[in-house]
């Protein structure tokens, strides 16, 4: 049985999705990547993380966005 790598607990980081066993949020991982950090830099900064954990965060974020419903708003003229 594979251990779930992304978890959410109301008692940890206000229920945000985190990497299991850490207080590192999926949001933080995505922000770091968006800011230009490499996976290697993230792993160096957070030694408890593995490449698989970073990949799980990306997969979780992609699935969350896929499930999101978007309602386009007309631009103001």
N, C-alpha and C. Protein backbone atom coordinates (compact mmCIF):
# COMPACT_ATOMS: atom_id res chain seq x y z
N UNK A 1 0.84 -1.18 0.00
CA UNK A 1 0.00 0.00 0.00
C UNK A 1 0.89 1.25 0.00
N UNK A 2 0.67 2.14 -0.94
CA UNK A 2 1.47 3.35 -1.06
C UNK A 2 0.98 4.39 -0.06
N UNK A 3 1.94 5.02 0.63
CA UNK A 3 1.59 6.06 1.60
C UNK A 3 1.17 7.31 0.84
N UNK A 4 0.11 7.94 1.30
CA UNK A 4 -0.37 9.16 0.68
C UNK A 4 0.63 10.28 0.96
N UNK A 5 1.12 10.93 -0.09
CA UNK A 5 2.16 11.95 0.07
C UNK A 5 1.60 13.34 0.33
N UNK A 6 0.38 13.61 -0.09
CA UNK A 6 -0.24 14.91 0.14
C UNK A 6 -1.43 14.71 1.05
N UNK A 7 -1.45 15.45 2.16
CA UNK A 7 -2.51 15.31 3.14
C UNK A 7 -3.04 16.68 3.54
N UNK A 8 -4.21 16.67 4.14
CA UNK A 8 -4.82 17.90 4.65
C UNK A 8 -5.40 17.59 6.02
N UNK A 9 -5.00 18.39 7.01
CA UNK A 9 -5.46 18.20 8.39
C UNK A 9 -5.74 19.59 8.95
N UNK A 10 -6.96 19.81 9.45
CA UNK A 10 -7.29 21.14 9.98
C UNK A 10 -6.32 21.64 11.05
N UNK A 11 -5.62 20.72 11.72
CA UNK A 11 -4.68 21.10 12.77
C UNK A 11 -3.29 21.42 12.27
N UNK A 12 -3.07 21.27 10.97
CA UNK A 12 -1.74 21.54 10.39
C UNK A 12 -1.89 22.57 9.28
N UNK A 13 -1.23 23.69 9.43
CA UNK A 13 -1.22 24.76 8.42
C UNK A 13 -2.64 25.14 7.99
N UNK A 14 -3.54 25.20 8.98
CA UNK A 14 -4.94 25.60 8.76
C UNK A 14 -5.65 24.75 7.71
N UNK A 15 -5.25 23.49 7.58
CA UNK A 15 -5.92 22.58 6.68
C UNK A 15 -5.44 22.62 5.24
N UNK A 16 -4.42 23.45 4.96
CA UNK A 16 -3.90 23.48 3.59
C UNK A 16 -3.27 22.13 3.25
N UNK A 17 -3.22 21.82 1.98
CA UNK A 17 -2.58 20.59 1.53
C UNK A 17 -1.08 20.70 1.79
N UNK A 18 -0.56 19.69 2.50
CA UNK A 18 0.87 19.67 2.83
C UNK A 18 1.47 18.33 2.42
N UNK A 19 2.78 18.32 2.32
CA UNK A 19 3.48 17.07 2.08
C UNK A 19 3.48 16.31 3.40
N UNK A 20 3.04 15.06 3.36
CA UNK A 20 2.87 14.25 4.57
C UNK A 20 4.12 14.26 5.43
N UNK A 21 3.90 14.43 6.74
CA UNK A 21 5.00 14.42 7.69
C UNK A 21 5.75 15.72 7.79
N UNK A 22 5.29 16.75 7.06
CA UNK A 22 5.95 18.05 7.08
C UNK A 22 4.90 19.14 7.25
N UNK A 23 5.37 20.36 7.36
CA UNK A 23 4.49 21.52 7.34
C UNK A 23 4.74 22.30 6.05
N UNK A 24 5.26 21.63 5.05
CA UNK A 24 5.55 22.24 3.75
C UNK A 24 4.31 22.10 2.88
N UNK A 25 3.73 23.25 2.53
CA UNK A 25 2.48 23.24 1.76
C UNK A 25 2.75 23.03 0.27
N UNK A 26 1.75 22.48 -0.39
CA UNK A 26 1.80 22.37 -1.85
C UNK A 26 1.95 23.77 -2.43
N UNK A 27 1.25 24.72 -1.84
CA UNK A 27 1.31 26.11 -2.28
C UNK A 27 2.75 26.63 -2.27
N UNK A 28 3.52 26.34 -1.22
CA UNK A 28 4.91 26.79 -1.13
C UNK A 28 5.75 26.19 -2.26
N UNK A 29 5.57 24.91 -2.50
CA UNK A 29 6.34 24.25 -3.57
C UNK A 29 6.04 24.90 -4.92
N UNK A 30 4.76 25.14 -5.20
CA UNK A 30 4.38 25.76 -6.47
C UNK A 30 4.93 27.18 -6.56
N UNK A 31 4.85 27.94 -5.46
CA UNK A 31 5.38 29.31 -5.46
C UNK A 31 6.88 29.32 -5.74
N UNK A 32 7.61 28.40 -5.13
CA UNK A 32 9.06 28.34 -5.35
C UNK A 32 9.38 28.01 -6.81
N UNK A 33 8.65 27.07 -7.38
CA UNK A 33 8.88 26.73 -8.78
C UNK A 33 8.52 27.89 -9.69
N UNK A 34 7.42 28.57 -9.39
CA UNK A 34 6.99 29.72 -10.18
C UNK A 34 7.99 30.86 -10.10
N UNK A 35 8.69 30.96 -8.97
CA UNK A 35 9.70 32.02 -8.79
C UNK A 35 11.02 31.68 -9.48
N UNK A 36 11.09 30.48 -10.05
CA UNK A 36 12.29 30.12 -10.80
C UNK A 36 13.22 29.15 -10.11
N UNK A 37 12.87 28.73 -8.90
CA UNK A 37 13.73 27.76 -8.22
C UNK A 37 13.62 26.41 -8.94
N UNK A 38 14.71 25.69 -8.92
CA UNK A 38 14.71 24.35 -9.51
C UNK A 38 14.30 23.34 -8.44
N UNK A 39 13.95 22.15 -8.89
CA UNK A 39 13.62 21.08 -7.94
C UNK A 39 14.82 20.82 -7.04
N UNK A 40 16.01 20.86 -7.60
CA UNK A 40 17.22 20.62 -6.82
C UNK A 40 17.37 21.68 -5.72
N UNK A 41 17.08 22.94 -6.03
CA UNK A 41 17.17 24.00 -5.02
C UNK A 41 16.14 23.79 -3.91
N UNK A 42 14.95 23.35 -4.27
CA UNK A 42 13.93 23.07 -3.27
C UNK A 42 14.37 21.92 -2.38
N UNK A 43 14.92 20.88 -2.98
CA UNK A 43 15.39 19.73 -2.20
C UNK A 43 16.54 20.12 -1.28
N UNK A 44 17.42 20.99 -1.74
CA UNK A 44 18.53 21.46 -0.89
C UNK A 44 18.00 22.28 0.29
N UNK A 45 16.98 23.10 0.04
CA UNK A 45 16.43 23.97 1.09
C UNK A 45 15.59 23.18 2.10
N UNK A 46 15.04 22.05 1.66
CA UNK A 46 14.15 21.25 2.51
C UNK A 46 14.62 19.79 2.45
N UNK A 47 15.65 19.44 3.21
CA UNK A 47 16.27 18.10 3.12
C UNK A 47 15.34 16.92 3.37
N UNK A 48 14.21 17.16 4.04
CA UNK A 48 13.28 16.05 4.30
C UNK A 48 12.48 15.67 3.06
N UNK A 49 12.47 16.56 2.07
CA UNK A 49 11.70 16.30 0.85
C UNK A 49 12.48 15.38 -0.09
N UNK A 50 11.71 14.66 -0.89
CA UNK A 50 12.28 13.85 -1.97
C UNK A 50 11.73 14.37 -3.29
N UNK A 51 12.36 13.96 -4.36
CA UNK A 51 11.87 14.33 -5.69
C UNK A 51 10.43 13.83 -5.88
N UNK A 52 10.12 12.65 -5.35
CA UNK A 52 8.78 12.10 -5.45
C UNK A 52 7.75 12.95 -4.72
N UNK A 53 8.14 13.55 -3.61
CA UNK A 53 7.24 14.43 -2.87
C UNK A 53 6.94 15.70 -3.65
N UNK A 54 7.97 16.26 -4.28
CA UNK A 54 7.77 17.46 -5.11
C UNK A 54 6.85 17.11 -6.28
N UNK A 55 7.07 15.96 -6.89
CA UNK A 55 6.22 15.52 -8.00
C UNK A 55 4.79 15.32 -7.53
N UNK A 56 4.61 14.78 -6.33
CA UNK A 56 3.26 14.59 -5.78
C UNK A 56 2.58 15.94 -5.58
N UNK A 57 3.33 16.95 -5.15
CA UNK A 57 2.75 18.29 -4.98
C UNK A 57 2.29 18.85 -6.32
N UNK A 58 3.09 18.66 -7.36
CA UNK A 58 2.71 19.13 -8.69
C UNK A 58 1.48 18.39 -9.21
N UNK A 59 1.46 17.11 -9.01
CA UNK A 59 0.31 16.31 -9.45
C UNK A 59 -0.96 16.74 -8.71
N UNK A 60 -0.84 16.94 -7.40
CA UNK A 60 -1.99 17.40 -6.61
C UNK A 60 -2.50 18.74 -7.14
N UNK A 61 -1.59 19.68 -7.39
CA UNK A 61 -1.99 21.00 -7.88
C UNK A 61 -2.67 20.90 -9.23
N UNK A 62 -2.14 20.08 -10.11
CA UNK A 62 -2.75 19.92 -11.43
C UNK A 62 -4.15 19.33 -11.31
N UNK A 63 -4.32 18.33 -10.45
CA UNK A 63 -5.63 17.72 -10.27
C UNK A 63 -6.62 18.71 -9.64
N UNK A 64 -6.14 19.53 -8.72
CA UNK A 64 -7.01 20.52 -8.08
C UNK A 64 -7.48 21.55 -9.10
N UNK A 65 -6.58 21.98 -9.98
CA UNK A 65 -6.96 22.94 -11.01
C UNK A 65 -7.90 22.32 -12.04
N UNK A 66 -7.68 21.07 -12.35
CA UNK A 66 -8.55 20.38 -13.32
C UNK A 66 -9.98 20.29 -12.78
N UNK A 67 -10.11 20.12 -11.48
CA UNK A 67 -11.43 19.99 -10.87
C UNK A 67 -12.11 21.34 -10.66
N UNK A 68 -11.37 22.43 -10.81
CA UNK A 68 -11.90 23.76 -10.58
C UNK A 68 -12.84 24.17 -11.71
N UNK A 69 -13.91 24.84 -11.37
CA UNK A 69 -14.85 25.34 -12.36
C UNK A 69 -14.57 26.83 -12.55
N UNK A 70 -14.42 27.24 -13.80
CA UNK A 70 -14.11 28.63 -14.11
C UNK A 70 -15.32 29.27 -14.79
N UNK A 71 -15.68 30.43 -14.30
CA UNK A 71 -16.77 31.20 -14.89
C UNK A 71 -16.17 32.48 -15.45
N UNK A 72 -15.98 32.55 -16.78
CA UNK A 72 -15.37 33.76 -17.37
C UNK A 72 -16.19 35.01 -17.06
N UNK A 73 -15.48 36.07 -16.80
CA UNK A 73 -16.12 37.37 -16.55
C UNK A 73 -15.74 38.29 -17.68
N UNK A 74 -16.73 38.96 -18.26
CA UNK A 74 -16.46 39.86 -19.36
C UNK A 74 -15.59 41.01 -18.86
N UNK A 75 -14.65 41.43 -19.71
CA UNK A 75 -13.79 42.55 -19.36
C UNK A 75 -14.59 43.86 -19.39
N UNK A 76 -14.27 44.73 -18.45
CA UNK A 76 -14.93 46.05 -18.42
C UNK A 76 -14.42 46.88 -19.57
N UNK A 77 -15.32 47.61 -20.20
CA UNK A 77 -14.90 48.47 -21.33
C UNK A 77 -14.91 49.92 -20.95
